[in-house]
C-alpha atoms as a PDB file:
ATOM      1  CA  UNK A   1      14.073  15.468 -23.548  1.00  0.00           C
ATOM      2  CA  UNK A   2      10.766  14.257 -22.039  1.00  0.00           C
ATOM      3  CA  UNK A   3      10.104  12.253 -18.934  1.00  0.00           C
ATOM      4  CA  UNK A   4      11.100   8.599 -19.223  1.00  0.00           C
ATOM      5  CA  UNK A   5       8.659   5.926 -18.062  1.00  0.00           C
ATOM      6  CA  UNK A   6       8.996   2.379 -16.866  1.00  0.00           C
ATOM      7  CA  UNK A   7       6.180   0.447 -18.551  1.00  0.00           C
ATOM      8  CA  UNK A   8       5.541  -1.813 -15.569  1.00  0.00           C
ATOM      9  CA  UNK A   9       7.145  -2.230 -12.177  1.00  0.00           C
ATOM     10  CA  UNK A  10       6.496  -5.047  -9.739  1.00  0.00           C
ATOM     11  CA  UNK A  11       7.370  -4.192  -6.164  1.00  0.00           C
ATOM     12  CA  UNK A  12       7.966  -7.468  -4.326  1.00  0.00           C
ATOM     13  CA  UNK A  13       6.039  -7.909  -1.079  1.00  0.00           C
ATOM     14  CA  UNK A  14       7.033 -10.557   1.487  1.00  0.00           C
ATOM     15  CA  UNK A  15       4.540 -13.407   1.774  1.00  0.00           C
ATOM     16  CA  UNK A  16       3.658 -12.457   5.372  1.00  0.00           C
ATOM     17  CA  UNK A  17       2.435  -9.059   4.125  1.00  0.00           C
ATOM     18  CA  UNK A  18       0.528 -10.196   1.019  1.00  0.00           C
ATOM     19  CA  UNK A  19      -2.847 -10.167   2.785  1.00  0.00           C
ATOM     20  CA  UNK A  20      -2.494  -6.421   3.453  1.00  0.00           C
ATOM     21  CA  UNK A  21      -1.837  -5.377  -0.157  1.00  0.00           C
ATOM     22  CA  UNK A  22      -5.475  -4.932  -1.229  1.00  0.00           C
ATOM     23  CA  UNK A  23      -6.229  -2.669   1.718  1.00  0.00           C
ATOM     24  CA  UNK A  24      -3.180  -0.532   0.988  1.00  0.00           C
ATOM     25  CA  UNK A  25      -4.030  -0.003  -2.692  1.00  0.00           C
ATOM     26  CA  UNK A  26      -6.751   2.560  -2.028  1.00  0.00           C
ATOM     27  CA  UNK A  27      -4.421   4.652   0.116  1.00  0.00           C
ATOM     28  CA  UNK A  28      -1.791   4.473  -2.626  1.00  0.00           C
ATOM     29  CA  UNK A  29      -4.270   5.489  -5.321  1.00  0.00           C
ATOM     30  CA  UNK A  30      -5.175   8.588  -3.307  1.00  0.00           C
ATOM     31  CA  UNK A  31      -1.516   9.433  -2.777  1.00  0.00           C
ATOM     32  CA  UNK A  32      -0.623   8.923  -6.461  1.00  0.00           C
ATOM     33  CA  UNK A  33      -3.804   9.548  -8.485  1.00  0.00           C
ATOM     34  CA  UNK A  34      -2.002   9.542 -11.845  1.00  0.00           C
ATOM     35  CA  UNK A  35      -0.540   6.044 -11.317  1.00  0.00           C
ATOM     36  CA  UNK A  36      -2.308   2.705 -11.624  1.00  0.00           C
ATOM     37  CA  UNK A  37      -1.673   0.108  -8.936  1.00  0.00           C
ATOM     38  CA  UNK A  38      -2.795  -3.499  -8.827  1.00  0.00           C
ATOM     39  CA  UNK A  39      -2.118  -6.525  -6.662  1.00  0.00           C
ATOM     40  CA  UNK A  40      -0.247  -9.467  -8.101  1.00  0.00           C
ATOM     41  CA  UNK A  41       0.944 -12.754  -6.675  1.00  0.00           C
ATOM     42  CA  UNK A  42       4.418 -11.301  -6.293  1.00  0.00           C
ATOM     43  CA  UNK A  43       3.462  -7.930  -4.853  1.00  0.00           C
ATOM     44  CA  UNK A  44       2.204  -4.638  -6.229  1.00  0.00           C
ATOM     45  CA  UNK A  45       2.254  -3.755  -9.921  1.00  0.00           C
ATOM     46  CA  UNK A  46       2.621  -0.139 -10.968  1.00  0.00           C
ATOM     47  CA  UNK A  47       1.910   0.794 -14.598  1.00  0.00           C
ATOM     48  CA  UNK A  48       3.590   3.636 -16.488  1.00  0.00           C
ATOM     49  CA  UNK A  49       5.833   4.836 -13.677  1.00  0.00           C
ATOM     50  CA  UNK A  50       8.047   7.870 -14.341  1.00  0.00           C
ATOM     51  CA  UNK A  51      11.637   6.777 -13.682  1.00  0.00           C
ATOM     52  CA  UNK A  52      12.306   9.804 -11.499  1.00  0.00           C
ATOM     53  CA  UNK A  53       9.545   8.636  -9.086  1.00  0.00           C
ATOM     54  CA  UNK A  54      10.768   5.041  -8.745  1.00  0.00           C
ATOM     55  CA  UNK A  55      12.337   5.264  -5.277  1.00  0.00           C
ATOM     56  CA  UNK A  56       9.568   7.457  -3.873  1.00  0.00           C
ATOM     57  CA  UNK A  57       6.807   5.144  -5.093  1.00  0.00           C
ATOM     58  CA  UNK A  58       8.574   1.983  -3.898  1.00  0.00           C
ATOM     59  CA  UNK A  59       8.988   3.520  -0.434  1.00  0.00           C
ATOM     60  CA  UNK A  60       5.347   4.638  -0.334  1.00  0.00           C
ATOM     61  CA  UNK A  61       4.030   1.232  -1.434  1.00  0.00           C
ATOM     62  CA  UNK A  62       5.903  -0.627   1.285  1.00  0.00           C
ATOM     63  CA  UNK A  63       4.955   1.985   3.880  1.00  0.00           C
ATOM     64  CA  UNK A  64       1.252   1.794   2.942  1.00  0.00           C
ATOM     65  CA  UNK A  65       1.293  -2.004   3.248  1.00  0.00           C
ATOM     66  CA  UNK A  66       2.944  -1.814   6.658  1.00  0.00           C
ATOM     67  CA  UNK A  67       0.393   0.787   7.809  1.00  0.00           C
ATOM     68  CA  UNK A  68      -2.424  -1.489   6.638  1.00  0.00           C
ATOM     69  CA  UNK A  69      -0.892  -4.355   8.617  1.00  0.00           C
ATOM     70  CA  UNK A  70      -0.796  -2.233  11.772  1.00  0.00           C
ATOM     71  CA  UNK A  71      -4.377  -1.049  11.178  1.00  0.00           C
ATOM     72  CA  UNK A  72      -5.750  -4.574  10.696  1.00  0.00           C
ATOM     73  CA  UNK A  73      -3.854  -6.072  13.610  1.00  0.00           C
ATOM     74  CA  UNK A  74      -4.789  -3.331  16.095  1.00  0.00           C
ATOM     75  CA  UNK A  75      -8.457  -2.987  15.109  1.00  0.00           C
ATOM     76  CA  UNK A  76      -9.674  -5.585  17.656  1.00  0.00           C
ATOM     77  CA  UNK A  77      -7.740  -3.782  20.394  1.00  0.00           C
ATOM     78  CA  UNK A  78      -9.313  -0.443  19.478  1.00  0.00           C
ATOM     79  CA  UNK A  79     -12.797  -1.995  19.440  1.00  0.00           C
ATOM     80  CA  UNK A  80     -12.196  -3.555  22.864  1.00  0.00           C
ATOM     81  CA  UNK A  81     -10.981  -0.230  24.250  1.00  0.00           C
ATOM     82  CA  UNK A  82     -14.018   1.625  22.906  1.00  0.00           C
ATOM     83  CA  UNK A  83     -16.353  -1.024  24.379  1.00  0.00           C
ATOM     84  CA  UNK A  84     -14.605  -0.806  27.757  1.00  0.00           C
ATOM     85  CA  UNK A  85     -14.850   2.960  27.825  1.00  0.00           C
ATOM     86  CA  UNK A  86     -18.451   3.232  26.622  1.00  0.00           C
ATOM     87  CA  UNK A  87     -20.075   0.376  28.563  1.00  0.00           C
ATOM     88  CA  UNK A  88     -22.041   1.618  31.562  1.00  0.00           C
END
């Protein structure tokens, strides 16, 4: 018996996190190069997902979006810290 695939999966993303999806897609594509991810109005679409990877991929998608949120929201703080340390 071969590997079974789910033709398309949509992982719902809360509205407050939607703006971080695009930034997270590149990280996801590196982590799962054989899968195809895309943003949709409801969340993240994954094409041709092996059923045995469903939980792992769902967890990784949500984690990547949360990491992107942290990155975007802390970037101004990091820039300010670098300016404060490097200004003479």
